[in-house]
Amino acid sequence: MAIKWDDTRKLYLRLGKKTFLAENRADPSTYEVYLFAYDTDFNVVGETKVEGLKEPPTTYFWKDGKLWSYVNVEDELGFAVFTFDF
């Protein structure tokens, strides 16, 4: 997925996903979501599986060291905010 700059940590961060196809085409796929961190020279400095996310967010940004993702809650736009302690 797209690489985003986190000015708070001075790192490039990217979400990635591992897709598991269902046995039947009619059944939905499942995902594992990962977070990758890169320094300014794009060397990998860390990676982790993001527990609790069932699928990667489609629209997100980094602000104050947190991942912000748009969500729809009862037809109202809101944000899911994730904190990473690293």
PDB file of N, CA and C in Angstrom:
ATOM      1  N   MET A   1       0.847  -1.169   0.000  1.00  0.00           N
ATOM      2  CA  MET A   1       0.000   0.000   0.000  1.00  0.00           C
ATOM      3  C   MET A   1       0.894   1.234   0.000  1.00  0.00           C
ATOM      4  N   ALA A   2       0.295   2.380  -0.097  1.00  0.00           N
ATOM      5  CA  ALA A   2       1.043   3.633  -0.248  1.00  0.00           C
ATOM      6  C   ALA A   2       1.895   3.948   0.985  1.00  0.00           C
ATOM      7  N   ILE A   3       3.068   4.495   0.720  1.00  0.00           N
ATOM      8  CA  ILE A   3       3.956   4.928   1.803  1.00  0.00           C
ATOM      9  C   ILE A   3       3.548   6.337   2.212  1.00  0.00           C
ATOM     10  N   LYS A   4       3.442   6.554   3.531  1.00  0.00           N
ATOM     11  CA  LYS A   4       3.064   7.862   4.077  1.00  0.00           C
ATOM     12  C   LYS A   4       4.152   8.317   5.041  1.00  0.00           C
ATOM     13  N   TRP A   5       4.415   9.611   5.065  1.00  0.00           N
ATOM     14  CA  TRP A   5       5.419  10.198   5.941  1.00  0.00           C
ATOM     15  C   TRP A   5       4.789  10.531   7.286  1.00  0.00           C
ATOM     16  N   ASP A   6       5.434  10.121   8.394  1.00  0.00           N
ATOM     17  CA  ASP A   6       5.008  10.472   9.747  1.00  0.00           C
ATOM     18  C   ASP A   6       6.019  11.478  10.282  1.00  0.00           C
ATOM     19  N   ASP A   7       5.645  12.745  10.260  1.00  0.00           N
ATOM     20  CA  ASP A   7       6.550  13.818  10.676  1.00  0.00           C
ATOM     21  C   ASP A   7       6.894  13.730  12.159  1.00  0.00           C
ATOM     22  N   THR A   8       6.015  13.162  12.961  1.00  0.00           N
ATOM     23  CA  THR A   8       6.265  13.034  14.394  1.00  0.00           C
ATOM     24  C   THR A   8       7.463  12.136  14.665  1.00  0.00           C
ATOM     25  N   ARG A   9       7.527  11.012  13.977  1.00  0.00           N
ATOM     26  CA  ARG A   9       8.604  10.036  14.184  1.00  0.00           C
ATOM     27  C   ARG A   9       9.736  10.155  13.167  1.00  0.00           C
ATOM     28  N   LYS A  10       9.518  10.975  12.136  1.00  0.00           N
ATOM     29  CA  LYS A  10      10.501  11.105  11.053  1.00  0.00           C
ATOM     30  C   LYS A  10      10.745   9.752  10.389  1.00  0.00           C
ATOM     31  N   LEU A  11       9.640   9.050  10.113  1.00  0.00           N
ATOM     32  CA  LEU A  11       9.686   7.745   9.465  1.00  0.00           C
ATOM     33  C   LEU A  11       8.658   7.692   8.345  1.00  0.00           C
ATOM     34  N   TYR A  12       8.954   6.886   7.358  1.00  0.00           N
ATOM     35  CA  TYR A  12       7.947   6.522   6.370  1.00  0.00           C
ATOM     36  C   TYR A  12       7.236   5.283   6.894  1.00  0.00           C
ATOM     37  N   LEU A  13       5.916   5.269   6.815  1.00  0.00           N
ATOM     38  CA  LEU A  13       5.131   4.143   7.291  1.00  0.00           C
ATOM     39  C   LEU A  13       4.238   3.640   6.171  1.00  0.00           C
ATOM     40  N   ARG A  14       4.057   2.346   6.142  1.00  0.00           N
ATOM     41  CA  ARG A  14       3.238   1.740   5.098  1.00  0.00           C
ATOM     42  C   ARG A  14       2.472   0.574   5.688  1.00  0.00           C
ATOM     43  N   LEU A  15       1.207   0.485   5.328  1.00  0.00           N
ATOM     44  CA  LEU A  15       0.409  -0.676   5.680  1.00  0.00           C
ATOM     45  C   LEU A  15       0.493  -1.685   4.551  1.00  0.00           C
ATOM     46  N   GLY A  16       0.508  -2.947   4.900  1.00  0.00           N
ATOM     47  CA  GLY A  16       0.498  -4.022   3.913  1.00  0.00           C
ATOM     48  C   GLY A  16      -0.518  -5.063   4.339  1.00  0.00           C
ATOM     49  N   LYS A  17      -0.902  -5.903   3.408  1.00  0.00           N
ATOM     50  CA  LYS A  17      -1.886  -6.930   3.750  1.00  0.00           C
ATOM     51  C   LYS A  17      -1.502  -8.259   3.134  1.00  0.00           C
ATOM     52  N   LYS A  18      -1.898  -9.306   3.815  1.00  0.00           N
ATOM     53  CA  LYS A  18      -1.755 -10.667   3.326  1.00  0.00           C
ATOM     54  C   LYS A  18      -3.181 -11.172   3.137  1.00  0.00           C
ATOM     55  N   THR A  19      -3.495 -11.618   1.938  1.00  0.00           N
ATOM     56  CA  THR A  19      -4.857 -12.019   1.603  1.00  0.00           C
ATOM     57  C   THR A  19      -4.991 -13.540   1.642  1.00  0.00           C
ATOM     58  N   PHE A  20      -6.048 -13.994   2.272  1.00  0.00           N
ATOM     59  CA  PHE A  20      -6.372 -15.414   2.325  1.00  0.00           C
ATOM     60  C   PHE A  20      -7.699 -15.611   1.601  1.00  0.00           C
ATOM     61  N   LEU A  21      -7.637 -16.276   0.460  1.00  0.00           N
ATOM     62  CA  LEU A  21      -8.845 -16.515  -0.323  1.00  0.00           C
ATOM     63  C   LEU A  21      -9.685 -17.609   0.325  1.00  0.00           C
ATOM     64  N   ALA A  22     -10.992 -17.425   0.258  1.00  0.00           N
ATOM     65  CA  ALA A  22     -11.919 -18.415   0.795  1.00  0.00           C
ATOM     66  C   ALA A  22     -11.948 -19.645  -0.113  1.00  0.00           C
ATOM     67  N   GLU A  23     -12.411 -20.741   0.426  1.00  0.00           N
ATOM     68  CA  GLU A  23     -12.496 -21.969  -0.374  1.00  0.00           C
ATOM     69  C   GLU A  23     -13.505 -21.820  -1.506  1.00  0.00           C
ATOM     70  N   ASN A  24     -14.587 -21.139  -1.251  1.00  0.00           N
ATOM     71  CA  ASN A  24     -15.620 -20.908  -2.259  1.00  0.00           C
ATOM     72  C   ASN A  24     -15.573 -19.456  -2.712  1.00  0.00           C
ATOM     73  N   ARG A  25     -15.722 -19.235  -3.991  1.00  0.00           N
ATOM     74  CA  ARG A  25     -15.660 -17.865  -4.523  1.00  0.00           C
ATOM     75  C   ARG A  25     -16.709 -16.944  -3.913  1.00  0.00           C
ATOM     76  N   ALA A  26     -17.834 -17.504  -3.504  1.00  0.00           N
ATOM     77  CA  ALA A  26     -18.910 -16.686  -2.943  1.00  0.00           C
ATOM     78  C   ALA A  26     -18.583 -16.185  -1.535  1.00  0.00           C
ATOM     79  N   ASP A  27     -17.645 -16.836  -0.857  1.00  0.00           N
ATOM     80  CA  ASP A  27     -17.276 -16.436   0.502  1.00  0.00           C
ATOM     81  C   ASP A  27     -16.233 -15.323   0.456  1.00  0.00           C
ATOM     82  N   PRO A  28     -16.246 -14.431   1.452  1.00  0.00           N
ATOM     83  CA  PRO A  28     -15.290 -13.316   1.447  1.00  0.00           C
ATOM     84  C   PRO A  28     -13.869 -13.761   1.794  1.00  0.00           C
ATOM     85  N   SER A  29     -12.911 -13.024   1.290  1.00  0.00           N
ATOM     86  CA  SER A  29     -11.513 -13.240   1.658  1.00  0.00           C
ATOM     87  C   SER A  29     -11.277 -12.687   3.051  1.00  0.00           C
ATOM     88  N   THR A  30     -10.216 -13.139   3.700  1.00  0.00           N
ATOM     89  CA  THR A  30      -9.810 -12.573   4.982  1.00  0.00           C
ATOM     90  C   THR A  30      -8.404 -12.011   4.818  1.00  0.00           C
ATOM     91  N   TYR A  31      -7.995 -11.173   5.774  1.00  0.00           N
ATOM     92  CA  TYR A  31      -6.722 -10.469   5.648  1.00  0.00           C
ATOM     93  C   TYR A  31      -5.962 -10.454   6.966  1.00  0.00           C
ATOM     94  N   GLU A  32      -4.647 -10.349   6.866  1.00  0.00           N
ATOM     95  CA  GLU A  32      -3.780  -9.966   7.972  1.00  0.00           C
ATOM     96  C   GLU A  32      -3.187  -8.623   7.559  1.00  0.00           C
ATOM     97  N   VAL A  33      -3.163  -7.670   8.479  1.00  0.00           N
ATOM     98  CA  VAL A  33      -2.667  -6.325   8.184  1.00  0.00           C
ATOM     99  C   VAL A  33      -1.339  -6.129   8.907  1.00  0.00           C
ATOM    100  N   TYR A  34      -0.374  -5.568   8.204  1.00  0.00           N
ATOM    101  CA  TYR A  34       0.961  -5.338   8.742  1.00  0.00           C
ATOM    102  C   TYR A  34       1.336  -3.867   8.612  1.00  0.00           C
ATOM    103  N   LEU A  35       2.171  -3.397   9.539  1.00  0.00           N
ATOM    104  CA  LEU A  35       2.713  -2.047   9.499  1.00  0.00           C
ATOM    105  C   LEU A  35       4.215  -2.153   9.304  1.00  0.00           C
ATOM    106  N   PHE A  36       4.732  -1.433   8.317  1.00  0.00           N
ATOM    107  CA  PHE A  36       6.159  -1.401   8.024  1.00  0.00           C
ATOM    108  C   PHE A  36       6.671   0.021   8.244  1.00  0.00           C
ATOM    109  N   ALA A  37       7.853   0.139   8.852  1.00  0.00           N
ATOM    110  CA  ALA A  37       8.476   1.445   9.098  1.00  0.00           C
ATOM    111  C   ALA A  37       9.813   1.498   8.358  1.00  0.00           C
ATOM    112  N   TYR A  38      10.062   2.653   7.722  1.00  0.00           N
ATOM    113  CA  TYR A  38      11.286   2.859   6.941  1.00  0.00           C
ATOM    114  C   TYR A  38      11.942   4.165   7.377  1.00  0.00           C
ATOM    115  N   ASP A  39      13.277   4.196   7.353  1.00  0.00           N
ATOM    116  CA  ASP A  39      13.974   5.454   7.623  1.00  0.00           C
ATOM    117  C   ASP A  39      13.969   6.327   6.370  1.00  0.00           C
ATOM    118  N   THR A  40      14.639   7.456   6.423  1.00  0.00           N
ATOM    119  CA  THR A  40      14.617   8.399   5.298  1.00  0.00           C
ATOM    120  C   THR A  40      15.319   7.868   4.049  1.00  0.00           C
ATOM    121  N   ASP A  41      16.129   6.815   4.208  1.00  0.00           N
ATOM    122  CA  ASP A  41      16.771   6.174   3.061  1.00  0.00           C
ATOM    123  C   ASP A  41      16.003   4.930   2.607  1.00  0.00           C
ATOM    124  N   PHE A  42      14.800   4.743   3.152  1.00  0.00           N
ATOM    125  CA  PHE A  42      13.906   3.621   2.839  1.00  0.00           C
ATOM    126  C   PHE A  42      14.475   2.260   3.253  1.00  0.00           C
ATOM    127  N   ASN A  43      15.287   2.260   4.299  1.00  0.00           N
ATOM    128  CA  ASN A  43      15.709   1.005   4.915  1.00  0.00           C
ATOM    129  C   ASN A  43      14.625   0.582   5.901  1.00  0.00           C
ATOM    130  N   VAL A  44      14.268  -0.693   5.910  1.00  0.00           N
ATOM    131  CA  VAL A  44      13.249  -1.179   6.848  1.00  0.00           C
ATOM    132  C   VAL A  44      13.824  -1.123   8.260  1.00  0.00           C
ATOM    133  N   VAL A  45      13.121  -0.433   9.165  1.00  0.00           N
ATOM    134  CA  VAL A  45      13.565  -0.346  10.556  1.00  0.00           C
ATOM    135  C   VAL A  45      12.630  -1.115  11.490  1.00  0.00           C
ATOM    136  N   GLY A  46      11.508  -1.579  10.971  1.00  0.00           N
ATOM    137  CA  GLY A  46      10.602  -2.376  11.793  1.00  0.00           C
ATOM    138  C   GLY A  46       9.373  -2.800  11.023  1.00  0.00           C
ATOM    139  N   GLU A  47       8.760  -3.863  11.504  1.00  0.00           N
ATOM    140  CA  GLU A  47       7.503  -4.330  10.938  1.00  0.00           C
ATOM    141  C   GLU A  47       6.758  -5.101  12.015  1.00  0.00           C
ATOM    142  N   THR A  48       5.429  -5.051  11.950  1.00  0.00           N
ATOM    143  CA  THR A  48       4.610  -5.757  12.918  1.00  0.00           C
ATOM    144  C   THR A  48       3.239  -6.063  12.333  1.00  0.00           C
ATOM    145  N   LYS A  49       2.642  -7.127  12.820  1.00  0.00           N
ATOM    146  CA  LYS A  49       1.263  -7.441  12.458  1.00  0.00           C
ATOM    147  C   LYS A  49       0.364  -6.557  13.305  1.00  0.00           C
ATOM    148  N   VAL A  50      -0.630  -5.949  12.676  1.00  0.00           N
ATOM    149  CA  VAL A  50      -1.555  -5.064  13.386  1.00  0.00           C
ATOM    150  C   VAL A  50      -2.744  -5.908  13.844  1.00  0.00           C
ATOM    151  N   GLU A  51      -2.763  -6.216  15.123  1.00  0.00           N
ATOM    152  CA  GLU A  51      -3.851  -7.008  15.687  1.00  0.00           C
ATOM    153  C   GLU A  51      -5.111  -6.149  15.769  1.00  0.00           C
ATOM    154  N   GLY A  52      -6.243  -6.752  15.527  1.00  0.00           N
ATOM    155  CA  GLY A  52      -7.506  -6.040  15.671  1.00  0.00           C
ATOM    156  C   GLY A  52      -8.056  -5.473  14.379  1.00  0.00           C
ATOM    157  N   LEU A  53      -7.241  -5.365  13.338  1.00  0.00           N
ATOM    158  CA  LEU A  53      -7.741  -4.903  12.043  1.00  0.00           C
ATOM    159  C   LEU A  53      -8.089  -6.126  11.203  1.00  0.00           C
ATOM    160  N   LYS A  54      -9.323  -6.220  10.790  1.00  0.00           N
ATOM    161  CA  LYS A  54      -9.761  -7.364   9.982  1.00  0.00           C
ATOM    162  C   LYS A  54      -9.493  -7.145   8.497  1.00  0.00           C
ATOM    163  N   GLU A  55      -9.320  -5.883   8.102  1.00  0.00           N
ATOM    164  CA  GLU A  55      -8.959  -5.545   6.735  1.00  0.00           C
ATOM    165  C   GLU A  55      -8.274  -4.186   6.756  1.00  0.00           C
ATOM    166  N   PRO A  56      -7.433  -3.907   5.778  1.00  0.00           N
ATOM    167  CA  PRO A  56      -6.709  -2.627   5.787  1.00  0.00           C
ATOM    168  C   PRO A  56      -7.651  -1.471   5.488  1.00  0.00           C
ATOM    169  N   PRO A  57      -7.407  -0.315   6.107  1.00  0.00           N
ATOM    170  CA  PRO A  57      -8.240   0.846   5.797  1.00  0.00           C
ATOM    171  C   PRO A  57      -8.001   1.304   4.365  1.00  0.00           C
ATOM    172  N   THR A  58      -9.036   1.835   3.737  1.00  0.00           N
ATOM    173  CA  THR A  58      -8.893   2.300   2.359  1.00  0.00           C
ATOM    174  C   THR A  58      -8.396   3.740   2.296  1.00  0.00           C
ATOM    175  N   THR A  59      -8.789   4.552   3.263  1.00  0.00           N
ATOM    176  CA  THR A  59      -8.357   5.947   3.316  1.00  0.00           C
ATOM    177  C   THR A  59      -7.825   6.229   4.714  1.00  0.00           C
ATOM    178  N   TYR A  60      -6.553   6.619   4.792  1.00  0.00           N
ATOM    179  CA  TYR A  60      -5.951   6.864   6.096  1.00  0.00           C
ATOM    180  C   TYR A  60      -4.840   7.892   5.974  1.00  0.00           C
ATOM    181  N   PHE A  61      -4.450   8.435   7.128  1.00  0.00           N
ATOM    182  CA  PHE A  61      -3.325   9.369   7.180  1.00  0.00           C
ATOM    183  C   PHE A  61      -2.709   9.284   8.571  1.00  0.00           C
ATOM    184  N   TRP A  62      -1.485   9.816   8.690  1.00  0.00           N
ATOM    185  CA  TRP A  62      -0.780   9.842   9.966  1.00  0.00           C
ATOM    186  C   TRP A  62      -0.826  11.251  10.521  1.00  0.00           C
ATOM    187  N   LYS A  63      -1.153  11.380  11.796  1.00  0.00           N
ATOM    188  CA  LYS A  63      -1.186  12.686  12.460  1.00  0.00           C
ATOM    189  C   LYS A  63      -0.794  12.471  13.913  1.00  0.00           C
ATOM    190  N   ASP A  64       0.167  13.250  14.392  1.00  0.00           N
ATOM    191  CA  ASP A  64       0.628  13.168  15.776  1.00  0.00           C
ATOM    192  C   ASP A  64       1.059  11.755  16.160  1.00  0.00           C
ATOM    193  N   GLY A  65       1.658  11.027  15.208  1.00  0.00           N
ATOM    194  CA  GLY A  65       2.146   9.684  15.485  1.00  0.00           C
ATOM    195  C   GLY A  65       1.069   8.625  15.556  1.00  0.00           C
ATOM    196  N   LYS A  66      -0.160   8.966  15.156  1.00  0.00           N
ATOM    197  CA  LYS A  66      -1.275   8.020  15.194  1.00  0.00           C
ATOM    198  C   LYS A  66      -1.832   7.822  13.785  1.00  0.00           C
ATOM    199  N   LEU A  67      -2.377   6.643  13.556  1.00  0.00           N
ATOM    200  CA  LEU A  67      -3.029   6.330  12.287  1.00  0.00           C
ATOM    201  C   LEU A  67      -4.497   6.722  12.393  1.00  0.00           C
ATOM    202  N   TRP A  68      -4.941   7.589  11.492  1.00  0.00           N
ATOM    203  CA  TRP A  68      -6.332   8.035  11.441  1.00  0.00           C
ATOM    204  C   TRP A  68      -6.959   7.459  10.183  1.00  0.00           C
ATOM    205  N   SER A  69      -8.121   6.839  10.320  1.00  0.00           N
ATOM    206  CA  SER A  69      -8.812   6.240   9.191  1.00  0.00           C
ATOM    207  C   SER A  69     -10.267   6.696   9.191  1.00  0.00           C
ATOM    208  N   TYR A  70     -10.774   7.027   8.010  1.00  0.00           N
ATOM    209  CA  TYR A  70     -12.178   7.412   7.888  1.00  0.00           C
ATOM    210  C   TYR A  70     -13.064   6.182   8.076  1.00  0.00           C
ATOM    211  N   VAL A  71     -14.137   6.336   8.846  1.00  0.00           N
ATOM    212  CA  VAL A  71     -15.110   5.263   9.030  1.00  0.00           C
ATOM    213  C   VAL A  71     -16.519   5.839   8.935  1.00  0.00           C
ATOM    214  N   ASN A  72     -17.452   4.999   8.555  1.00  0.00           N
ATOM    215  CA  ASN A  72     -18.857   5.385   8.496  1.00  0.00           C
ATOM    216  C   ASN A  72     -19.552   4.775   9.707  1.00  0.00           C
ATOM    217  N   VAL A  73     -20.104   5.626  10.563  1.00  0.00           N
ATOM    218  CA  VAL A  73     -20.822   5.173  11.745  1.00  0.00           C
ATOM    219  C   VAL A  73     -22.243   5.701  11.649  1.00  0.00           C
ATOM    220  N   GLU A  74     -23.176   4.810  11.377  1.00  0.00           N
ATOM    221  CA  GLU A  74     -24.589   5.171  11.245  1.00  0.00           C
ATOM    222  C   GLU A  74     -24.769   6.344  10.274  1.00  0.00           C
ATOM    223  N   ASP A  75     -24.150   6.231   9.097  1.00  0.00           N
ATOM    224  CA  ASP A  75     -24.210   7.234   8.036  1.00  0.00           C
ATOM    225  C   ASP A  75     -23.597   8.583   8.408  1.00  0.00           C
ATOM    226  N   GLU A  76     -22.735   8.604   9.396  1.00  0.00           N
ATOM    227  CA  GLU A  76     -21.995   9.805   9.777  1.00  0.00           C
ATOM    228  C   GLU A  76     -20.507   9.518   9.606  1.00  0.00           C
ATOM    229  N   LEU A  77     -19.777  10.482   9.050  1.00  0.00           N
ATOM    230  CA  LEU A  77     -18.338  10.324   8.880  1.00  0.00           C
ATOM    231  C   LEU A  77     -17.648  10.477  10.225  1.00  0.00           C
ATOM    232  N   GLY A  78     -16.765   9.555  10.517  1.00  0.00           N
ATOM    233  CA  GLY A  78     -15.992   9.603  11.750  1.00  0.00           C
ATOM    234  C   GLY A  78     -14.586   9.106  11.492  1.00  0.00           C
ATOM    235  N   PHE A  79     -13.812   9.009  12.549  1.00  0.00           N
ATOM    236  CA  PHE A  79     -12.439   8.542  12.440  1.00  0.00           C
ATOM    237  C   PHE A  79     -12.198   7.409  13.425  1.00  0.00           C
ATOM    238  N   ALA A  80     -11.473   6.422  12.983  1.00  0.00           N
ATOM    239  CA  ALA A  80     -10.902   5.420  13.878  1.00  0.00           C
ATOM    240  C   ALA A  80      -9.454   5.852  14.065  1.00  0.00           C
ATOM    241  N   VAL A  81      -9.003   5.927  15.304  1.00  0.00           N
ATOM    242  CA  VAL A  81      -7.648   6.393  15.601  1.00  0.00           C
ATOM    243  C   VAL A  81      -6.891   5.256  16.275  1.00  0.00           C
ATOM    244  N   PHE A  82      -5.726   4.909  15.706  1.00  0.00           N
ATOM    245  CA  PHE A  82      -4.903   3.824  16.229  1.00  0.00           C
ATOM    246  C   PHE A  82      -3.582   4.386  16.741  1.00  0.00           C
ATOM    247  N   THR A  83      -3.194   3.969  17.919  1.00  0.00           N
ATOM    248  CA  THR A  83      -1.930   4.392  18.518  1.00  0.00           C
ATOM    249  C   THR A  83      -0.957   3.222  18.465  1.00  0.00           C
ATOM    250  N   PHE A  84       0.263   3.508  18.028  1.00  0.00           N
ATOM    251  CA  PHE A  84       1.324   2.499  17.975  1.00  0.00           C
ATOM    252  C   PHE A  84       2.427   2.922  18.913  1.00  0.00           C
ATOM    253  N   ASP A  85       2.755   2.070  19.845  1.00  0.00           N
ATOM    254  CA  ASP A  85       3.809   2.381  20.820  1.00  0.00           C
ATOM    255  C   ASP A  85       5.109   1.736  20.386  1.00  0.00           C
ATOM    256  N   PHE A  86       5.873   2.471  19.563  1.00  0.00           N
ATOM    257  CA  PHE A  86       7.192   1.997  19.161  1.00  0.00           C
ATOM    258  C   PHE A  86       8.091   3.185  18.971  1.00  0.00           C
TER     259      PHE A  86
END
